[in-house]
Protein backbone atom coordinates (compact mmCIF):
# COMPACT_ATOMS: atom_id res chain seq x y z
CA MET A 1 1.46 4.22 -8.10
CA ALA A 2 0.92 7.96 -8.05
CA MET A 3 -0.84 10.37 -5.76
CA LYS A 4 -2.28 13.73 -6.70
CA ILE A 5 -1.49 16.70 -4.48
CA GLU A 6 -4.51 18.92 -4.97
CA MET A 7 -5.62 22.02 -3.05
CA THR A 8 -4.83 20.63 0.40
CA PHE A 9 -4.64 24.19 1.72
CA GLN A 10 -8.17 25.26 0.73
CA GLN A 11 -8.77 27.10 4.02
CA ALA A 12 -5.56 29.07 3.59
CA VAL A 13 -6.59 30.01 0.04
CA LYS A 14 -10.07 31.08 1.16
CA LYS A 15 -8.71 33.15 4.03
CA ALA A 16 -6.12 34.83 1.83
CA SER A 17 -8.59 35.63 -0.96
CA GLN A 18 -10.82 37.54 1.45
CA LYS A 19 -8.04 40.05 2.01
CA LEU A 20 -7.09 40.54 -1.64
CA THR A 21 -8.33 42.97 -4.19
CA ASN A 22 -9.82 41.73 -7.46
CA VAL A 23 -6.53 42.49 -9.19
CA GLN A 24 -4.57 40.56 -6.58
CA ARG A 25 -6.94 37.57 -6.80
CA ARG A 26 -5.77 37.07 -10.35
CA GLU A 27 -2.47 35.90 -8.91
CA LEU A 28 -4.07 33.08 -6.89
CA PRO A 29 -3.91 30.38 -9.64
CA PHE A 30 -0.19 31.08 -10.12
CA ALA A 31 0.45 30.97 -6.36
CA ILE A 32 -1.54 27.76 -5.94
CA ALA A 33 0.21 25.99 -8.81
CA ASN A 34 3.60 27.20 -7.61
CA ALA A 35 2.95 25.97 -4.06
CA LEU A 36 1.74 22.56 -5.22
CA THR A 37 4.74 22.15 -7.51
CA GLN A 38 7.21 23.09 -4.78
CA THR A 39 5.49 20.70 -2.37
CA ALA A 40 5.71 17.81 -4.85
CA LYS A 41 9.33 18.64 -5.68
CA GLY A 42 10.25 18.68 -1.99
CA LEU A 43 8.40 15.42 -1.44
CA VAL A 44 10.80 13.65 -3.81
CA LYS A 45 13.72 14.65 -1.59
CA GLU A 46 11.76 13.75 1.56
CA GLU A 47 11.10 10.25 0.24
CA GLN A 48 14.81 9.86 -0.54
CA LYS A 49 15.60 10.63 3.11
CA GLU A 50 13.06 8.04 4.21
CA MET A 51 14.55 5.45 1.86
CA ARG A 52 17.97 5.97 3.40
CA ARG A 53 16.46 5.37 6.84
CA ASP A 54 14.41 2.32 5.85
CA PHE A 55 16.79 0.55 3.43
CA HIS A 56 20.41 -0.52 3.74
CA ARG A 57 22.45 1.21 1.04
CA PRO A 58 19.63 1.85 -1.45
CA THR A 59 20.81 1.99 -5.05
CA LYS A 60 20.84 5.17 -7.11
CA TRP A 61 17.98 3.67 -9.16
CA THR A 62 15.90 3.25 -5.99
CA LEU A 63 16.70 6.73 -4.70
CA GLU A 64 15.66 8.21 -8.03
CA SER A 65 12.50 6.11 -8.27
CA SER A 66 10.17 8.96 -7.26
CA PHE A 67 8.97 11.54 -9.75
CA PHE A 68 6.70 14.58 -9.79
CA LEU A 69 4.67 16.44 -12.40
CA PRO A 70 4.19 20.18 -11.80
CA ALA A 71 0.84 21.89 -11.44
CA SER A 72 -0.29 24.55 -13.90
CA LYS A 73 -2.18 27.75 -13.18
CA LYS A 74 -4.25 26.96 -16.30
CA ASP A 75 -5.73 23.83 -14.70
CA LYS A 76 -9.34 24.10 -13.55
CA VAL A 77 -8.25 22.45 -10.31
CA PRO A 78 -4.49 22.95 -9.91
CA THR A 79 -2.92 19.56 -9.23
CA ALA A 80 0.64 18.33 -8.86
CA THR A 81 1.34 14.61 -9.20
CA PHE A 82 3.87 12.59 -7.19
CA GLY A 83 4.59 8.88 -7.46
CA LEU A 84 6.93 5.97 -8.15
CA ARG A 85 8.12 5.32 -11.68
CA GLN A 86 6.09 2.59 -13.34
CA PHE A 87 8.18 2.11 -16.45
CA ALA A 88 11.82 1.20 -17.03
CA SER A 89 13.56 0.40 -20.30
CA LYS A 90 16.33 -1.81 -18.91
CA SER A 91 15.36 -2.55 -15.32
CA VAL A 92 12.44 -3.49 -13.07
CA PRO A 93 10.01 -0.58 -12.55
CA ALA A 94 10.36 0.87 -9.07
CA ASP A 95 6.75 0.41 -8.06
CA ARG A 96 6.99 -3.35 -8.72
CA TYR A 97 9.91 -4.12 -6.42
CA LEU A 98 9.10 -1.50 -3.77
CA ASN A 99 5.46 -2.51 -3.29
CA PRO A 100 6.27 -5.49 -1.01
CA ASN A 101 8.25 -3.10 1.22
CA ILE A 102 5.40 -0.58 1.26
CA PHE A 103 2.50 -2.98 1.80
CA GLY A 104 4.17 -6.22 2.91
CA GLY A 105 3.66 -9.60 1.26
CA LYS A 106 5.52 -11.51 -1.45
CA ARG A 107 7.79 -9.73 -3.89
CA ASN A 108 7.28 -9.88 -7.64
CA GLU A 109 9.38 -12.22 -9.78
CA LYS A 110 12.55 -10.87 -11.32
CA SER A 111 12.94 -11.31 -15.06
CA SER A 112 15.79 -13.77 -14.41
CA GLU A 113 13.50 -15.86 -12.19
CA LYS A 114 10.83 -15.93 -14.88
CA ARG A 115 13.40 -17.20 -17.39
CA LEU A 116 14.62 -19.90 -15.02
CA ARG A 117 11.07 -20.98 -14.30
CA GLN A 118 10.07 -21.00 -17.97
CA SER A 119 13.03 -23.25 -18.77
CA GLY A 120 11.92 -25.67 -16.04
CA ILE A 121 14.84 -25.02 -13.67
CA LEU A 122 13.39 -22.89 -10.87
CA PRO A 123 10.80 -24.91 -8.90
CA SER A 124 7.29 -23.55 -8.30
CA GLY A 125 7.05 -21.46 -5.12
CA TYR A 126 10.77 -20.62 -5.16
CA LEU A 127 12.73 -17.45 -5.88
CA THR A 128 16.48 -16.79 -6.07
CA ALA A 129 19.05 -15.26 -3.73
CA PRO A 130 22.83 -14.74 -4.09
CA GLY A 131 24.87 -17.68 -2.80
CA ARG A 132 27.73 -17.36 -0.31
CA ASP A 133 30.33 -17.27 -3.09
CA ALA A 134 28.53 -14.82 -5.36
CA ARG A 135 30.11 -11.47 -6.16
CA VAL A 136 27.62 -8.85 -5.09
CA LEU A 137 27.37 -5.09 -5.37
CA GLN A 138 27.28 -2.74 -2.38
CA ASN A 139 23.52 -3.12 -2.14
CA GLY A 140 23.80 -6.91 -1.86
CA ASN A 141 22.52 -7.67 -5.36
CA MET A 142 24.40 -9.53 -8.05
CA ALA A 143 25.60 -7.60 -11.08
CA ARG A 144 23.43 -7.91 -14.19
CA GLY A 145 26.35 -9.26 -16.19
CA GLU A 146 26.81 -12.13 -13.74
CA ILE A 147 23.12 -13.01 -13.94
CA THR A 148 23.29 -12.96 -17.73
CA LYS A 149 26.20 -15.44 -17.68
CA LEU A 150 24.25 -17.76 -15.36
CA LEU A 151 21.20 -17.72 -17.58
CA ALA A 152 23.23 -18.33 -20.72
CA ALA A 153 25.14 -21.18 -19.07
CA VAL A 154 22.02 -23.11 -18.04
CA GLY A 155 20.09 -22.39 -21.24
CA SER A 156 17.62 -19.87 -19.79
CA LEU A 157 18.70 -16.68 -21.55
CA GLY A 158 16.85 -17.33 -24.77
CA GLY A 159 17.95 -16.79 -28.34
CA ASP A 160 21.18 -18.13 -29.83
CA SER A 161 23.10 -17.58 -26.57
CA SER A 162 21.18 -20.41 -24.92
CA THR A 163 21.99 -23.15 -27.43
CA SER A 164 24.38 -25.90 -26.40
CA SER A 165 26.80 -25.09 -29.23
CA SER A 166 26.87 -21.42 -28.22
CA ARG A 167 27.61 -22.35 -24.61
CA ARG A 168 30.49 -24.55 -25.69
CA ARG A 169 32.00 -21.67 -27.68
CA ASN A 170 31.52 -19.07 -24.93
CA LYS A 171 34.31 -19.37 -22.35
CA ASN A 172 32.56 -16.89 -20.04
CA VAL A 173 29.74 -19.31 -19.23
CA ARG A 174 31.79 -22.46 -18.77
CA GLY A 175 31.73 -24.08 -15.34
CA TYR A 176 28.20 -23.05 -14.36
CA TYR A 177 25.69 -25.79 -13.68
CA VAL A 178 22.37 -26.44 -11.92
CA ALA A 179 22.79 -28.22 -8.58
CA TYR A 180 20.19 -30.76 -7.45
CA LYS A 181 19.32 -32.30 -4.09
CA GLY A 182 16.79 -35.10 -3.78
CA GLY A 183 15.90 -34.62 -7.43
CA LYS A 184 15.01 -30.92 -6.99
CA ALA A 185 17.05 -27.98 -8.24
CA VAL A 186 18.53 -26.03 -5.32
CA GLY A 187 20.67 -23.45 -7.11
CA ILE A 188 23.35 -22.67 -9.64
CA ARG A 189 26.98 -23.44 -8.91
CA HIS A 190 30.29 -22.74 -10.59
CA ARG A 191 33.34 -24.95 -10.73
CA ALA A 192 36.50 -23.68 -12.39
CA LYS A 193 39.16 -26.14 -13.47
CA GLY A 194 41.05 -27.41 -10.42
CA SER A 195 38.84 -25.59 -7.87
CA ASP A 196 35.98 -26.49 -5.56
CA SER A 197 32.37 -25.85 -6.45
CA MET A 198 31.13 -22.37 -5.51
CA LYS A 199 27.57 -21.47 -4.55
CA ILE A 200 26.58 -18.60 -6.85
CA LEU A 201 22.78 -18.61 -6.78
CA ASN A 202 20.44 -20.33 -4.31
CA PHE A 203 16.81 -21.23 -4.86
CA ILE A 204 14.79 -20.27 -1.79
CA ARG A 205 11.12 -20.51 -0.85
CA SER A 206 9.29 -17.30 -1.69
CA PRO A 207 9.51 -15.20 1.51
CA ASN A 208 6.86 -12.90 2.96
CA TYR A 209 8.15 -9.36 3.36
CA LYS A 210 7.19 -7.11 6.25
CA LYS A 211 6.19 -3.53 5.61
CA ARG A 212 9.34 -1.46 6.06
CA TYR A 213 9.06 1.63 3.85
CA ASP A 214 6.66 4.35 5.09
CA TYR A 215 5.95 5.70 1.63
CA TYR A 216 2.41 7.02 2.14
CA GLU A 217 2.96 8.06 5.76
CA THR A 218 6.00 10.09 4.77
CA ALA A 219 4.11 11.77 1.94
CA ASN A 220 1.09 12.67 4.08
CA ARG A 221 3.20 14.09 6.89
CA TYR A 222 5.27 16.17 4.49
CA VAL A 223 2.28 17.59 2.61
CA LYS A 224 0.51 18.57 5.83
CA ARG A 225 3.68 20.22 7.13
CA THR A 226 4.72 22.16 4.03
CA ALA A 227 1.73 22.82 1.75
CA VAL A 228 0.34 25.87 3.57
CA PRO A 229 3.75 27.53 4.19
CA ASN A 230 4.59 26.94 0.52
CA PHE A 231 1.32 28.61 -0.51
CA ARG A 232 1.92 31.65 1.67
CA LYS A 233 5.44 32.01 0.30
CA ALA A 234 4.22 31.59 -3.29
CA LEU A 235 1.43 34.12 -2.81
CA ASN A 236 3.76 36.73 -1.33
CA PHE A 237 6.09 36.21 -4.29
CA ALA A 238 3.21 36.48 -6.78
CA LEU A 239 1.92 39.71 -5.25
CA ALA A 240 5.40 41.22 -5.05
CA THR A 241 6.12 40.53 -8.72
CA ALA A 242 2.65 41.17 -10.13
CA LYS A 243 2.51 43.67 -12.99
């Protein structure tokens, strides 16, 4: 999702232009674009502050999920763009996993959950959550390498790594198995030689998330508070450095 920060300070621009000479008015597009860009840039930092208030130990990936595109004085209507990243080469795009926290509702499936469901292991209407014995990162999520081992062990990773012969050769995936209760899969467990079974991944009913991240509210408050001051500052700079 992305929002465009356009000329939200139109009255300030109109009032300022009335006091400028024709030569000075030439600096308005530069001042407008500069102000919009600085507002969008500051909004990224403002959203990071809000994330730290709304989330418990947000990851670096989450904190860096916002982006901005600068405005240009050459644009017919100077516009700066701010939003959440919608693409990721090796992870889930930020807008996908943050949307349930912004709007409420059910979260999107993780790629690991899709694989487990496609292989017939994860029941319909269920998602996954770390078990009591899982090794988790500071943010409470399991490491990607651990998830990869689980998928390979139960034949849900795909490719050669999911074949039975490959699993027998790979010592790293030994001991993992799908646990069942009443004929339904309830999670993935691990049992090392001579030890008790450990709960690594649980299958839970898809929860409904409550809205907890004031993404739009934070953006609107910040733009209203800073856009006009940023324009005045940019205009003064433009006039002082005009040739």
